[in-house]
Amino acid sequence: MIPFNYYFVYDNGILRRAVSNNTKHKVGEIVGYKSGRYRRLKIHNKSYMIHRVIWEMFNGVIPTGMEVDHIDRNPTNNKIANLRLATPSENSRNYSAKSNSKTGVRGVYHNGHSYVVTICGENGREYIGSFPTLEEATKIRRIYERTYKYTV
């Protein structure tokens, strides 16, 4: 396959067309379309996620078993400084609390009269403890995030 650098030019987080093979597309135009949370593009009827294309343009082929993670959690911010190579486990740590979270803090939930803290560690989900207030639970959760090198 021809390298992505042949087809595209990186421009501060977006890709512009470097070559044109027909009158429909012009050199310099922004490429890609939004599909779900991510922007994608097509080359020869094959779809690629733009953040992965940008990573490969700067760093080469993504190793098997690795993913490209958006450090700031914004899937449309494809600036190279915002992208990092991560294992699936590392990538999964870089998520915000779900929109239906009652506490607003990932890994903290209310259970009767206390707040329970859990975290995904090296061996899967780990129970950290129960705390009387959301503030205490959040503080402990943040300490464990640093321990497990979460990017939060």
N, C-alpha and C. Protein backbone atom coordinates (compact mmCIF):
# COMPACT_ATOMS: atom_id res chain seq x y z
N MET A 1 0.83 -1.18 0.00
CA MET A 1 0.00 0.00 0.00
C MET A 1 0.88 1.26 0.00
N ILE A 2 0.44 2.27 -0.69
CA ILE A 2 1.16 3.55 -0.73
C ILE A 2 1.02 4.22 0.63
N PRO A 3 2.09 4.81 1.18
CA PRO A 3 2.01 5.46 2.50
C PRO A 3 0.98 6.60 2.51
N PHE A 4 0.40 6.81 3.69
CA PHE A 4 -0.60 7.87 3.85
C PHE A 4 -0.02 9.24 3.50
N ASN A 5 1.29 9.44 3.73
CA ASN A 5 1.93 10.72 3.43
C ASN A 5 1.83 11.08 1.95
N TYR A 6 1.64 10.10 1.09
CA TYR A 6 1.46 10.36 -0.33
C TYR A 6 0.11 11.03 -0.59
N TYR A 7 -0.92 10.57 0.11
CA TYR A 7 -2.29 11.04 -0.12
C TYR A 7 -2.65 12.31 0.64
N PHE A 8 -2.05 12.49 1.84
CA PHE A 8 -2.51 13.55 2.74
C PHE A 8 -1.37 14.39 3.29
N VAL A 9 -1.74 15.62 3.67
CA VAL A 9 -0.85 16.53 4.36
C VAL A 9 -1.49 16.82 5.71
N TYR A 10 -0.69 16.71 6.77
CA TYR A 10 -1.16 17.00 8.12
C TYR A 10 -1.19 18.51 8.32
N ASP A 11 -2.29 19.02 8.89
CA ASP A 11 -2.44 20.45 9.13
C ASP A 11 -3.08 20.67 10.50
N ASN A 12 -2.25 20.61 11.55
CA ASN A 12 -2.69 20.91 12.91
C ASN A 12 -3.94 20.11 13.33
N GLY A 13 -3.90 18.82 13.15
CA GLY A 13 -4.99 17.96 13.60
C GLY A 13 -5.99 17.58 12.54
N ILE A 14 -5.86 18.13 11.37
CA ILE A 14 -6.73 17.73 10.27
C ILE A 14 -5.87 17.24 9.12
N LEU A 15 -6.48 16.53 8.20
CA LEU A 15 -5.77 16.07 7.02
C LEU A 15 -6.32 16.77 5.79
N ARG A 16 -5.42 17.17 4.94
CA ARG A 16 -5.79 17.78 3.66
C ARG A 16 -5.30 16.89 2.53
N ARG A 17 -6.04 16.91 1.45
CA ARG A 17 -5.70 16.09 0.29
C ARG A 17 -4.40 16.61 -0.34
N ALA A 18 -3.45 15.71 -0.57
CA ALA A 18 -2.17 16.07 -1.19
C ALA A 18 -2.18 15.82 -2.69
N VAL A 19 -3.01 14.89 -3.12
CA VAL A 19 -3.12 14.57 -4.55
C VAL A 19 -4.60 14.47 -4.90
N SER A 20 -4.89 14.62 -6.17
CA SER A 20 -6.27 14.49 -6.64
C SER A 20 -6.28 13.56 -7.84
N ASN A 21 -7.16 12.60 -7.78
CA ASN A 21 -7.23 11.65 -8.89
C ASN A 21 -8.45 11.88 -9.77
N ASN A 22 -9.23 12.92 -9.45
CA ASN A 22 -10.39 13.23 -10.29
C ASN A 22 -10.82 14.67 -10.06
N THR A 23 -11.85 15.09 -10.76
CA THR A 23 -12.31 16.47 -10.62
C THR A 23 -13.20 16.66 -9.40
N LYS A 24 -13.63 15.59 -8.79
CA LYS A 24 -14.51 15.67 -7.62
C LYS A 24 -13.76 16.18 -6.39
N HIS A 25 -12.49 15.81 -6.23
CA HIS A 25 -11.70 16.19 -5.07
C HIS A 25 -10.55 17.11 -5.48
N LYS A 26 -10.34 18.15 -4.68
CA LYS A 26 -9.28 19.12 -4.98
C LYS A 26 -8.13 18.99 -3.99
N VAL A 27 -6.93 19.22 -4.47
CA VAL A 27 -5.75 19.26 -3.61
C VAL A 27 -5.95 20.36 -2.58
N GLY A 28 -5.66 20.06 -1.33
CA GLY A 28 -5.79 21.03 -0.25
C GLY A 28 -7.10 20.97 0.51
N GLU A 29 -8.10 20.27 -0.02
CA GLU A 29 -9.37 20.20 0.70
C GLU A 29 -9.25 19.28 1.91
N ILE A 30 -10.03 19.56 2.94
CA ILE A 30 -10.05 18.74 4.15
C ILE A 30 -10.72 17.41 3.82
N VAL A 31 -10.13 16.33 4.30
CA VAL A 31 -10.69 15.00 4.04
C VAL A 31 -11.34 14.45 5.30
N GLY A 32 -12.24 13.54 5.09
CA GLY A 32 -12.84 12.81 6.21
C GLY A 32 -14.30 13.14 6.44
N TYR A 33 -14.92 12.28 7.22
CA TYR A 33 -16.32 12.43 7.59
C TYR A 33 -16.49 11.87 8.99
N LYS A 34 -17.50 12.35 9.70
CA LYS A 34 -17.75 11.89 11.06
C LYS A 34 -18.57 10.61 11.00
N SER A 35 -18.12 9.62 11.76
CA SER A 35 -18.82 8.34 11.83
C SER A 35 -18.78 7.89 13.28
N GLY A 36 -19.90 8.00 13.96
CA GLY A 36 -19.91 7.70 15.39
C GLY A 36 -19.15 8.80 16.12
N ARG A 37 -18.26 8.42 17.00
CA ARG A 37 -17.47 9.40 17.77
C ARG A 37 -16.25 9.91 17.00
N TYR A 38 -15.83 9.18 15.97
CA TYR A 38 -14.56 9.46 15.31
C TYR A 38 -14.74 9.97 13.89
N ARG A 39 -13.68 10.63 13.40
CA ARG A 39 -13.64 11.01 11.99
C ARG A 39 -12.93 9.90 11.22
N ARG A 40 -13.41 9.66 10.03
CA ARG A 40 -12.87 8.60 9.18
C ARG A 40 -12.61 9.15 7.78
N LEU A 41 -11.89 8.36 7.01
CA LEU A 41 -11.69 8.67 5.59
C LEU A 41 -11.65 7.35 4.83
N LYS A 42 -11.80 7.45 3.52
CA LYS A 42 -11.75 6.25 2.68
C LYS A 42 -10.67 6.40 1.64
N ILE A 43 -9.92 5.31 1.46
CA ILE A 43 -8.95 5.20 0.37
C ILE A 43 -9.21 3.86 -0.29
N HIS A 44 -9.43 3.89 -1.59
CA HIS A 44 -9.68 2.65 -2.35
C HIS A 44 -10.76 1.80 -1.69
N ASN A 45 -11.85 2.42 -1.29
CA ASN A 45 -13.01 1.76 -0.68
C ASN A 45 -12.73 1.10 0.67
N LYS A 46 -11.63 1.48 1.31
CA LYS A 46 -11.34 1.00 2.66
C LYS A 46 -11.38 2.18 3.61
N SER A 47 -12.08 2.01 4.74
CA SER A 47 -12.26 3.06 5.72
C SER A 47 -11.14 3.03 6.77
N TYR A 48 -10.65 4.22 7.15
CA TYR A 48 -9.61 4.36 8.16
C TYR A 48 -10.04 5.45 9.15
N MET A 49 -9.72 5.26 10.43
CA MET A 49 -9.94 6.31 11.41
C MET A 49 -8.81 7.32 11.27
N ILE A 50 -9.17 8.60 11.21
CA ILE A 50 -8.19 9.64 10.94
C ILE A 50 -7.11 9.71 12.01
N HIS A 51 -7.46 9.52 13.27
CA HIS A 51 -6.41 9.60 14.30
C HIS A 51 -5.36 8.51 14.12
N ARG A 52 -5.76 7.35 13.62
CA ARG A 52 -4.80 6.29 13.35
C ARG A 52 -3.92 6.63 12.14
N VAL A 53 -4.52 7.25 11.13
CA VAL A 53 -3.76 7.66 9.95
C VAL A 53 -2.71 8.69 10.36
N ILE A 54 -3.11 9.68 11.15
CA ILE A 54 -2.17 10.71 11.59
C ILE A 54 -1.04 10.09 12.40
N TRP A 55 -1.37 9.18 13.31
CA TRP A 55 -0.33 8.52 14.10
C TRP A 55 0.68 7.83 13.18
N GLU A 56 0.17 7.09 12.20
CA GLU A 56 1.06 6.36 11.30
C GLU A 56 1.88 7.30 10.41
N MET A 57 1.34 8.44 10.04
CA MET A 57 2.09 9.40 9.24
C MET A 57 3.32 9.90 10.01
N PHE A 58 3.20 10.03 11.31
CA PHE A 58 4.31 10.54 12.13
C PHE A 58 5.20 9.44 12.70
N ASN A 59 4.61 8.27 12.98
CA ASN A 59 5.33 7.26 13.76
C ASN A 59 5.46 5.89 13.11
N GLY A 60 4.85 5.70 11.98
CA GLY A 60 4.92 4.38 11.35
C GLY A 60 3.74 3.49 11.77
N VAL A 61 3.81 2.26 11.38
CA VAL A 61 2.73 1.31 11.59
C VAL A 61 2.45 1.11 13.08
N ILE A 62 1.18 1.05 13.42
CA ILE A 62 0.77 0.81 14.81
C ILE A 62 1.02 -0.67 15.11
N PRO A 63 1.78 -0.96 16.16
CA PRO A 63 2.07 -2.35 16.48
C PRO A 63 0.80 -3.15 16.81
N THR A 64 0.83 -4.42 16.49
CA THR A 64 -0.30 -5.31 16.79
C THR A 64 -0.59 -5.26 18.28
N GLY A 65 -1.87 -5.16 18.61
CA GLY A 65 -2.29 -5.14 20.01
C GLY A 65 -2.28 -3.77 20.65
N MET A 66 -1.87 -2.74 19.90
CA MET A 66 -1.82 -1.39 20.44
C MET A 66 -2.93 -0.55 19.81
N GLU A 67 -3.31 0.52 20.51
CA GLU A 67 -4.34 1.43 20.04
C GLU A 67 -3.81 2.85 20.11
N VAL A 68 -4.46 3.75 19.36
CA VAL A 68 -4.12 5.17 19.44
C VAL A 68 -5.19 5.83 20.31
N ASP A 69 -4.74 6.45 21.40
CA ASP A 69 -5.62 7.05 22.39
C ASP A 69 -5.58 8.57 22.29
N HIS A 70 -6.74 9.20 22.46
CA HIS A 70 -6.83 10.65 22.55
C HIS A 70 -6.61 11.03 24.01
N ILE A 71 -5.51 11.68 24.31
CA ILE A 71 -5.13 12.00 25.68
C ILE A 71 -6.20 12.84 26.38
N ASP A 72 -6.76 13.83 25.67
CA ASP A 72 -7.75 14.72 26.29
C ASP A 72 -9.18 14.17 26.20
N ARG A 73 -9.33 12.95 25.74
CA ARG A 73 -10.62 12.25 25.61
C ARG A 73 -11.54 12.81 24.53
N ASN A 74 -11.07 13.77 23.77
CA ASN A 74 -11.87 14.38 22.72
C ASN A 74 -11.57 13.66 21.41
N PRO A 75 -12.50 12.83 20.92
CA PRO A 75 -12.21 12.02 19.72
C PRO A 75 -12.10 12.82 18.43
N THR A 76 -12.40 14.12 18.47
CA THR A 76 -12.22 14.93 17.26
C THR A 76 -10.95 15.77 17.31
N ASN A 77 -10.22 15.73 18.43
CA ASN A 77 -8.95 16.46 18.54
C ASN A 77 -7.83 15.53 18.09
N ASN A 78 -7.51 15.59 16.83
CA ASN A 78 -6.52 14.69 16.24
C ASN A 78 -5.14 15.32 16.08
N LYS A 79 -4.83 16.31 16.90
CA LYS A 79 -3.48 16.89 16.88
C LYS A 79 -2.51 15.82 17.36
N ILE A 80 -1.37 15.74 16.72
CA ILE A 80 -0.41 14.68 17.05
C ILE A 80 0.00 14.74 18.52
N ALA A 81 0.08 15.91 19.11
CA ALA A 81 0.45 16.03 20.53
C ALA A 81 -0.62 15.45 21.44
N ASN A 82 -1.84 15.26 20.94
CA ASN A 82 -2.94 14.72 21.73
C ASN A 82 -3.09 13.21 21.55
N LEU A 83 -2.27 12.61 20.73
CA LEU A 83 -2.38 11.18 20.45
C LEU A 83 -1.23 10.43 21.12
N ARG A 84 -1.56 9.26 21.65
CA ARG A 84 -0.51 8.42 22.24
C ARG A 84 -0.82 6.97 21.91
N LEU A 85 0.21 6.17 21.89
CA LEU A 85 0.06 4.75 21.70
C LEU A 85 -0.25 4.14 23.06
N ALA A 86 -1.24 3.24 23.12
CA ALA A 86 -1.65 2.65 24.40
C ALA A 86 -2.12 1.22 24.18
N THR A 87 -1.98 0.43 25.23
CA THR A 87 -2.58 -0.90 25.20
C THR A 87 -4.08 -0.71 25.36
N PRO A 88 -4.89 -1.70 25.01
CA PRO A 88 -6.33 -1.57 25.24
C PRO A 88 -6.67 -1.27 26.70
N SER A 89 -5.93 -1.86 27.63
CA SER A 89 -6.15 -1.61 29.05
C SER A 89 -5.86 -0.16 29.41
N GLU A 90 -4.74 0.38 28.92
CA GLU A 90 -4.39 1.78 29.18
C GLU A 90 -5.42 2.71 28.56
N ASN A 91 -5.85 2.39 27.35
CA ASN A 91 -6.83 3.21 26.65
C ASN A 91 -8.16 3.22 27.40
N SER A 92 -8.56 2.09 27.94
CA SER A 92 -9.85 2.03 28.64
C SER A 92 -9.83 2.83 29.93
N ARG A 93 -8.65 3.10 30.46
CA ARG A 93 -8.55 3.91 31.68
C ARG A 93 -8.81 5.38 31.41
N ASN A 94 -8.74 5.78 30.17
CA ASN A 94 -8.85 7.19 29.82
C ASN A 94 -10.29 7.55 29.41
N TYR A 95 -11.25 7.12 30.20
CA TYR A 95 -12.65 7.43 29.94
C TYR A 95 -13.22 8.27 31.07
N SER A 96 -14.17 9.11 30.75
CA SER A 96 -14.88 9.88 31.77
C SER A 96 -15.96 9.00 32.39
N ALA A 97 -16.59 9.52 33.44
CA ALA A 97 -17.73 8.82 34.02
C ALA A 97 -18.83 8.75 32.96
N LYS A 98 -19.61 7.71 33.00
CA LYS A 98 -20.71 7.57 32.04
C LYS A 98 -21.75 8.66 32.29
N SER A 99 -22.49 8.99 31.25
CA SER A 99 -23.45 10.09 31.35
C SER A 99 -24.56 9.80 32.36
N ASN A 100 -24.81 8.52 32.65
CA ASN A 100 -25.87 8.20 33.61
C ASN A 100 -25.32 7.99 35.02
N SER A 101 -24.05 8.34 35.24
CA SER A 101 -23.43 8.20 36.56
C SER A 101 -24.12 9.13 37.55
N LYS A 102 -24.50 8.59 38.69
CA LYS A 102 -25.16 9.41 39.71
C LYS A 102 -24.15 10.23 40.51
N THR A 103 -22.88 9.80 40.55
CA THR A 103 -21.87 10.55 41.30
C THR A 103 -21.06 11.48 40.40
N GLY A 104 -21.01 11.18 39.10
CA GLY A 104 -20.21 11.98 38.19
C GLY A 104 -18.73 11.64 38.25
N VAL A 105 -18.37 10.62 39.02
CA VAL A 105 -16.97 10.22 39.17
C VAL A 105 -16.85 8.77 38.73
N ARG A 106 -15.97 8.53 37.77
CA ARG A 106 -15.76 7.17 37.28
C ARG A 106 -15.24 6.30 38.41
N GLY A 107 -15.83 5.11 38.59
CA GLY A 107 -15.37 4.16 39.60
C GLY A 107 -15.89 4.44 40.99
N VAL A 108 -16.82 5.39 41.12
CA VAL A 108 -17.42 5.69 42.43
C VAL A 108 -18.93 5.59 42.28
N TYR A 109 -19.54 4.79 43.15
CA TYR A 109 -21.00 4.72 43.13
C TYR A 109 -21.56 4.72 44.55
N HIS A 110 -22.80 5.17 44.64
CA HIS A 110 -23.47 5.28 45.94
C HIS A 110 -24.13 3.95 46.25
N ASN A 111 -23.90 3.47 47.48
CA ASN A 111 -24.45 2.18 47.89
C ASN A 111 -25.03 2.33 49.29
N GLY A 112 -26.29 2.66 49.36
CA GLY A 112 -26.94 2.83 50.66
C GLY A 112 -26.48 4.09 51.36
N HIS A 113 -25.65 3.92 52.40
CA HIS A 113 -25.19 5.06 53.18
C HIS A 113 -23.73 5.41 52.93
N SER A 114 -23.12 4.81 51.92
CA SER A 114 -21.70 5.10 51.66
C SER A 114 -21.43 5.15 50.16
N TYR A 115 -20.22 5.57 49.84
CA TYR A 115 -19.77 5.64 48.45
C TYR A 115 -18.67 4.60 48.26
N VAL A 116 -18.86 3.73 47.29
CA VAL A 116 -17.94 2.63 47.03
C VAL A 116 -16.99 3.04 45.91
N VAL A 117 -15.71 2.74 46.11
CA VAL A 117 -14.68 3.06 45.13
C VAL A 117 -14.11 1.76 44.57
N THR A 118 -14.06 1.67 43.24
CA THR A 118 -13.43 0.55 42.54
C THR A 118 -12.51 1.13 41.47
N ILE A 119 -11.61 0.31 40.99
CA ILE A 119 -10.72 0.74 39.90
C ILE A 119 -10.28 -0.50 39.12
N CYS A 120 -10.04 -0.33 37.84
CA CYS A 120 -9.50 -1.43 37.03
C CYS A 120 -7.99 -1.39 37.14
N GLY A 121 -7.45 -2.37 37.80
CA GLY A 121 -6.01 -2.47 37.97
C GLY A 121 -5.44 -3.52 37.04
N GLU A 122 -4.28 -4.00 37.38
CA GLU A 122 -3.59 -5.00 36.56
C GLU A 122 -4.36 -6.32 36.48
N ASN A 123 -5.11 -6.63 37.53
CA ASN A 123 -5.83 -7.91 37.58
C ASN A 123 -7.33 -7.74 37.44
N GLY A 124 -7.76 -6.71 36.74
CA GLY A 124 -9.18 -6.46 36.56
C GLY A 124 -9.71 -5.48 37.61
N ARG A 125 -11.02 -5.46 37.79
CA ARG A 125 -11.65 -4.52 38.72
C ARG A 125 -11.30 -4.85 40.15
N GLU A 126 -10.84 -3.83 40.88
CA GLU A 126 -10.46 -4.01 42.27
C GLU A 126 -11.34 -3.14 43.16
N TYR A 127 -11.79 -3.70 44.27
CA TYR A 127 -12.54 -2.97 45.28
C TYR A 127 -11.54 -2.22 46.14
N ILE A 128 -11.73 -0.91 46.28
CA ILE A 128 -10.84 -0.08 47.08
C ILE A 128 -11.40 0.12 48.48
N GLY A 129 -12.68 0.43 48.57
CA GLY A 129 -13.29 0.62 49.89
C GLY A 129 -14.56 1.42 49.82
N SER A 130 -15.20 1.58 50.99
CA SER A 130 -16.42 2.37 51.13
C SER A 130 -16.09 3.59 51.98
N PHE A 131 -16.69 4.73 51.61
CA PHE A 131 -16.39 5.98 52.29
C PHE A 131 -17.70 6.72 52.56
N PRO A 132 -17.75 7.47 53.67
CA PRO A 132 -19.01 8.11 54.06
C PRO A 132 -19.43 9.27 53.16
N THR A 133 -18.46 9.94 52.50
CA THR A 133 -18.83 11.08 51.65
C THR A 133 -18.28 10.91 50.24
N LEU A 134 -18.94 11.59 49.31
CA LEU A 134 -18.48 11.58 47.93
C LEU A 134 -17.10 12.23 47.81
N GLU A 135 -16.85 13.26 48.60
CA GLU A 135 -15.56 13.94 48.56
C GLU A 135 -14.42 12.99 48.94
N GLU A 136 -14.61 12.23 50.00
CA GLU A 136 -13.57 11.28 50.42
C GLU A 136 -13.37 10.21 49.36
N ALA A 137 -14.47 9.69 48.83
CA ALA A 137 -14.39 8.63 47.81
C ALA A 137 -13.66 9.14 46.57
N THR A 138 -13.98 10.37 46.17
CA THR A 138 -13.34 10.96 44.99
C THR A 138 -11.85 11.15 45.23
N LYS A 139 -11.47 11.61 46.40
CA LYS A 139 -10.06 11.82 46.74
C LYS A 139 -9.28 10.51 46.65
N ILE A 140 -9.84 9.45 47.22
CA ILE A 140 -9.19 8.13 47.18
C ILE A 140 -9.10 7.62 45.74
N ARG A 141 -10.18 7.80 44.99
CA ARG A 141 -10.18 7.37 43.59
C ARG A 141 -9.05 8.06 42.82
N ARG A 142 -8.86 9.35 43.01
CA ARG A 142 -7.81 10.10 42.30
C ARG A 142 -6.42 9.60 42.69
N ILE A 143 -6.23 9.25 43.96
CA ILE A 143 -4.94 8.70 44.40
C ILE A 143 -4.65 7.40 43.66
N TYR A 144 -5.66 6.52 43.56
CA TYR A 144 -5.47 5.25 42.86
C TYR A 144 -5.29 5.46 41.36
N GLU A 145 -5.93 6.47 40.79
CA GLU A 145 -5.72 6.75 39.36
C GLU A 145 -4.26 7.10 39.10
N ARG A 146 -3.65 7.87 39.99
CA ARG A 146 -2.22 8.19 39.83
C ARG A 146 -1.36 6.94 40.01
N THR A 147 -1.74 6.10 40.96
CA THR A 147 -1.01 4.86 41.22
C THR A 147 -1.01 3.97 39.98
N TYR A 148 -2.16 3.88 39.32
CA TYR A 148 -2.29 3.02 38.13
C TYR A 148 -2.00 3.80 36.83
N LYS A 149 -1.52 5.02 36.97
CA LYS A 149 -1.13 5.84 35.81
C LYS A 149 -2.26 6.10 34.84
N TYR A 150 -3.43 6.41 35.39
CA TYR A 150 -4.54 6.87 34.56
C TYR A 150 -4.17 8.27 34.08
N THR A 151 -4.68 8.67 32.93
CA THR A 151 -4.37 10.00 32.43
C THR A 151 -5.38 11.02 32.91
N VAL A 152 -6.29 10.63 33.75
CA VAL A 152 -7.32 11.53 34.27
C VAL A 152 -6.68 12.59 35.14
